[in-house]
N, C-alpha and C. Protein backbone atom coordinates (compact mmCIF):
# COMPACT_ATOMS: atom_id res chain seq x y z
N UNK A 1 0.84 -1.17 0.00
CA UNK A 1 0.00 0.00 0.00
C UNK A 1 0.89 1.24 0.00
N UNK A 2 0.54 2.21 -0.77
CA UNK A 2 1.30 3.45 -0.89
C UNK A 2 0.45 4.58 -0.34
N UNK A 3 0.95 5.26 0.66
CA UNK A 3 0.18 6.30 1.32
C UNK A 3 0.28 7.66 0.61
N UNK A 4 1.24 7.80 -0.30
CA UNK A 4 1.38 9.06 -1.02
C UNK A 4 2.26 10.05 -0.30
N UNK A 5 2.49 11.20 -0.93
CA UNK A 5 3.28 12.30 -0.37
C UNK A 5 4.74 11.95 -0.15
N UNK A 6 5.23 10.89 -0.79
CA UNK A 6 6.63 10.51 -0.62
C UNK A 6 7.38 10.84 -1.90
N UNK A 7 8.40 11.69 -1.77
CA UNK A 7 9.21 12.11 -2.92
C UNK A 7 10.36 11.13 -3.13
N UNK A 8 10.80 11.01 -4.36
CA UNK A 8 12.00 10.21 -4.62
C UNK A 8 13.22 10.97 -4.11
N UNK A 9 14.31 10.26 -3.92
CA UNK A 9 15.52 10.87 -3.41
C UNK A 9 16.02 11.96 -4.36
N UNK A 10 15.93 11.70 -5.65
CA UNK A 10 16.39 12.66 -6.65
C UNK A 10 15.59 13.96 -6.55
N UNK A 11 14.29 13.84 -6.39
CA UNK A 11 13.44 15.03 -6.27
C UNK A 11 13.79 15.83 -5.03
N UNK A 12 14.00 15.16 -3.91
CA UNK A 12 14.34 15.85 -2.66
C UNK A 12 15.68 16.56 -2.80
N UNK A 13 16.68 15.88 -3.37
CA UNK A 13 17.99 16.49 -3.56
C UNK A 13 17.88 17.73 -4.45
N UNK A 14 17.11 17.61 -5.53
CA UNK A 14 16.93 18.74 -6.44
C UNK A 14 16.23 19.91 -5.74
N UNK A 15 15.21 19.61 -4.94
CA UNK A 15 14.50 20.67 -4.22
C UNK A 15 15.42 21.37 -3.21
N UNK A 16 16.26 20.59 -2.53
CA UNK A 16 17.19 21.17 -1.56
C UNK A 16 18.20 22.06 -2.28
N UNK A 17 18.73 21.57 -3.42
CA UNK A 17 19.70 22.37 -4.18
C UNK A 17 19.09 23.66 -4.72
N UNK A 18 17.80 23.61 -5.05
CA UNK A 18 17.11 24.79 -5.58
C UNK A 18 16.61 25.71 -4.46
N UNK A 19 16.87 25.35 -3.20
CA UNK A 19 16.45 26.18 -2.08
C UNK A 19 14.97 26.06 -1.76
N UNK A 20 14.36 24.97 -2.14
CA UNK A 20 12.93 24.76 -1.90
C UNK A 20 12.67 23.79 -0.75
N UNK A 21 13.56 23.73 0.19
CA UNK A 21 13.41 22.77 1.29
C UNK A 21 12.13 23.02 2.10
N UNK A 22 11.70 24.27 2.18
CA UNK A 22 10.47 24.59 2.92
C UNK A 22 9.23 24.16 2.16
N UNK A 23 9.37 23.85 0.87
CA UNK A 23 8.24 23.43 0.05
C UNK A 23 7.98 21.92 0.15
N UNK A 24 8.90 21.20 0.78
CA UNK A 24 8.73 19.74 0.90
C UNK A 24 7.58 19.47 1.86
N UNK A 25 6.70 18.57 1.44
CA UNK A 25 5.49 18.25 2.18
C UNK A 25 5.80 17.73 3.59
N UNK A 26 4.98 18.09 4.55
CA UNK A 26 5.13 17.65 5.94
C UNK A 26 5.05 16.13 6.06
N UNK A 27 4.22 15.52 5.23
CA UNK A 27 4.09 14.07 5.26
C UNK A 27 5.39 13.38 4.87
N UNK A 28 6.18 13.99 4.01
CA UNK A 28 7.49 13.42 3.65
C UNK A 28 8.37 13.36 4.90
N UNK A 29 8.38 14.44 5.68
CA UNK A 29 9.20 14.46 6.89
C UNK A 29 8.69 13.45 7.91
N UNK A 30 7.38 13.19 7.90
CA UNK A 30 6.83 12.14 8.78
C UNK A 30 7.39 10.78 8.38
N UNK A 31 7.53 10.53 7.07
CA UNK A 31 8.16 9.29 6.61
C UNK A 31 9.60 9.20 7.11
N UNK A 32 10.33 10.30 7.00
CA UNK A 32 11.74 10.32 7.41
C UNK A 32 11.86 10.01 8.91
N UNK A 33 11.00 10.64 9.71
CA UNK A 33 11.01 10.38 11.16
C UNK A 33 10.63 8.92 11.43
N UNK A 34 9.64 8.42 10.70
CA UNK A 34 9.23 7.02 10.86
C UNK A 34 10.36 6.06 10.56
N UNK A 35 11.11 6.34 9.49
CA UNK A 35 12.26 5.49 9.17
C UNK A 35 13.29 5.52 10.29
N UNK A 36 13.54 6.70 10.84
CA UNK A 36 14.52 6.83 11.92
C UNK A 36 14.07 6.06 13.17
N UNK A 37 12.80 6.18 13.50
CA UNK A 37 12.26 5.47 14.66
C UNK A 37 12.37 3.96 14.46
N UNK A 38 11.99 3.49 13.27
CA UNK A 38 12.07 2.05 12.99
C UNK A 38 13.52 1.57 12.99
N UNK A 39 14.44 2.41 12.54
CA UNK A 39 15.86 2.06 12.56
C UNK A 39 16.33 1.84 14.00
N UNK A 40 15.98 2.77 14.89
CA UNK A 40 16.40 2.66 16.29
C UNK A 40 15.74 1.44 16.95
N UNK A 41 14.44 1.26 16.72
CA UNK A 41 13.75 0.10 17.31
C UNK A 41 14.33 -1.21 16.80
N UNK A 42 14.61 -1.28 15.51
CA UNK A 42 15.20 -2.49 14.94
C UNK A 42 16.57 -2.79 15.52
N UNK A 43 17.39 -1.75 15.68
CA UNK A 43 18.71 -1.94 16.26
C UNK A 43 18.61 -2.41 17.71
N UNK A 44 17.68 -1.85 18.47
CA UNK A 44 17.48 -2.27 19.86
C UNK A 44 17.02 -3.73 19.93
N UNK A 45 16.11 -4.09 19.07
CA UNK A 45 15.63 -5.49 19.06
C UNK A 45 16.76 -6.45 18.71
N UNK A 46 17.56 -6.11 17.71
CA UNK A 46 18.68 -6.97 17.34
C UNK A 46 19.69 -7.09 18.47
N UNK A 47 19.94 -5.99 19.16
CA UNK A 47 20.86 -6.02 20.28
C UNK A 47 20.35 -6.94 21.39
N UNK A 48 19.06 -6.84 21.68
CA UNK A 48 18.47 -7.68 22.72
C UNK A 48 18.57 -9.16 22.35
N UNK A 49 18.27 -9.48 21.10
CA UNK A 49 18.34 -10.88 20.66
C UNK A 49 19.78 -11.38 20.72
N UNK A 50 20.72 -10.57 20.24
CA UNK A 50 22.13 -10.96 20.26
C UNK A 50 22.60 -11.18 21.69
N UNK A 51 22.24 -10.27 22.59
CA UNK A 51 22.65 -10.40 23.99
C UNK A 51 22.06 -11.68 24.61
N UNK A 52 20.81 -11.98 24.29
CA UNK A 52 20.16 -13.19 24.81
C UNK A 52 20.88 -14.44 24.29
N UNK A 53 21.21 -14.44 23.00
CA UNK A 53 21.92 -15.59 22.42
C UNK A 53 23.30 -15.75 23.04
N UNK A 54 24.00 -14.64 23.29
CA UNK A 54 25.32 -14.73 23.91
C UNK A 54 25.24 -15.27 25.33
N UNK A 55 24.23 -14.83 26.09
CA UNK A 55 24.04 -15.36 27.45
C UNK A 55 23.76 -16.86 27.42
N UNK A 56 22.91 -17.28 26.48
CA UNK A 56 22.58 -18.70 26.36
C UNK A 56 23.82 -19.51 26.01
N UNK A 57 24.63 -18.98 25.10
CA UNK A 57 25.86 -19.67 24.72
C UNK A 57 26.82 -19.76 25.90
N UNK A 58 26.91 -18.69 26.70
CA UNK A 58 27.77 -18.70 27.88
C UNK A 58 27.29 -19.73 28.90
N UNK A 59 25.96 -19.83 29.07
CA UNK A 59 25.41 -20.84 29.99
C UNK A 59 25.74 -22.24 29.52
N UNK A 60 25.62 -22.47 28.21
CA UNK A 60 25.93 -23.80 27.66
C UNK A 60 27.40 -24.14 27.84
N UNK A 61 28.27 -23.15 27.62
CA UNK A 61 29.70 -23.37 27.82
C UNK A 61 30.01 -23.64 29.29
N UNK A 62 29.36 -22.91 30.18
CA UNK A 62 29.58 -23.11 31.62
C UNK A 62 29.11 -24.49 32.04
N UNK A 63 28.04 -24.97 31.44
CA UNK A 63 27.53 -26.30 31.79
C UNK A 63 28.51 -27.39 31.37
N UNK A 64 29.31 -27.12 30.34
CA UNK A 64 30.31 -28.10 29.88
C UNK A 64 31.56 -28.08 30.75
N UNK A 65 31.77 -27.01 31.50
CA UNK A 65 32.96 -26.85 32.32
C UNK A 65 32.82 -27.69 33.59
N UNK A 66 33.70 -28.65 33.81
CA UNK A 66 33.57 -29.51 35.00
C UNK A 66 33.73 -28.76 36.32
N UNK A 67 34.44 -27.64 36.33
CA UNK A 67 34.65 -26.89 37.55
C UNK A 67 33.44 -26.07 37.96
N UNK A 68 32.52 -25.86 37.04
CA UNK A 68 31.32 -25.11 37.40
C UNK A 68 30.32 -25.98 38.14
N UNK A 69 30.61 -27.28 38.25
CA UNK A 69 29.68 -28.20 38.91
C UNK A 69 30.26 -28.77 40.21
N UNK A 70 31.19 -28.07 40.84
CA UNK A 70 31.75 -28.52 42.10
C UNK A 70 30.66 -28.40 43.16
N UNK A 71 30.39 -29.48 43.93
CA UNK A 71 29.30 -29.43 44.91
C UNK A 71 29.49 -28.31 45.93
N UNK A 72 28.46 -27.54 46.13
CA UNK A 72 28.45 -26.49 47.13
C UNK A 72 29.11 -25.20 46.71
N UNK A 73 29.64 -25.15 45.50
CA UNK A 73 30.36 -23.93 45.10
C UNK A 73 29.44 -22.92 44.43
N UNK A 74 28.30 -23.34 43.94
CA UNK A 74 27.37 -22.45 43.23
C UNK A 74 28.06 -21.71 42.10
N UNK A 75 29.13 -22.29 41.56
CA UNK A 75 29.84 -21.67 40.46
C UNK A 75 30.77 -20.56 40.87
N UNK A 76 30.86 -20.25 42.17
CA UNK A 76 31.75 -19.19 42.64
C UNK A 76 33.08 -19.81 43.04
N UNK A 77 34.12 -19.49 42.32
CA UNK A 77 35.43 -20.06 42.59
C UNK A 77 36.32 -19.01 43.22
N UNK A 78 36.97 -19.37 44.28
CA UNK A 78 37.90 -18.49 44.96
C UNK A 78 39.25 -19.20 44.95
N UNK A 79 40.28 -18.62 44.36
CA UNK A 79 41.58 -19.29 44.27
C UNK A 79 42.20 -19.63 45.62
N UNK A 80 41.78 -18.99 46.70
CA UNK A 80 42.34 -19.30 48.01
C UNK A 80 41.87 -20.64 48.52
N UNK A 81 40.86 -21.21 47.87
CA UNK A 81 40.38 -22.52 48.26
C UNK A 81 39.17 -22.45 49.17
N UNK A 82 38.85 -21.29 49.72
CA UNK A 82 37.68 -21.21 50.58
C UNK A 82 36.47 -20.80 49.75
N UNK A 83 35.30 -21.03 50.29
CA UNK A 83 34.08 -20.67 49.59
C UNK A 83 33.84 -19.17 49.70
N UNK A 84 33.43 -18.55 48.63
CA UNK A 84 33.19 -17.11 48.64
C UNK A 84 32.02 -16.76 49.57
N UNK A 85 30.96 -17.51 49.48
CA UNK A 85 29.75 -17.23 50.26
C UNK A 85 29.68 -18.09 51.52
N UNK A 86 30.81 -18.49 52.03
CA UNK A 86 30.87 -19.41 53.14
C UNK A 86 30.27 -18.83 54.42
N UNK A 87 30.43 -17.53 54.67
CA UNK A 87 29.95 -16.93 55.89
C UNK A 87 28.53 -16.39 55.77
N UNK A 88 27.96 -16.43 54.61
CA UNK A 88 26.63 -15.83 54.42
C UNK A 88 25.55 -16.82 54.70
């Protein structure tokens, strides 16, 4: 579906060069703002999905690590040999 009032890039460039930027329809600028909003939302969504996938991969790798399954350690390793949360 085409809502109208959208200029081609060539037309917009020509209008700007001719000093007619104020003549560009308000609906065109609404399209431009809409594209920017969708760009930001899309980037945020991709970031969230990527972060979720990375966390899942880290969990899977940790599950393969034999030291992450030491009884009573809850995955907290302290090189001194004592438990980190021992006093809590």
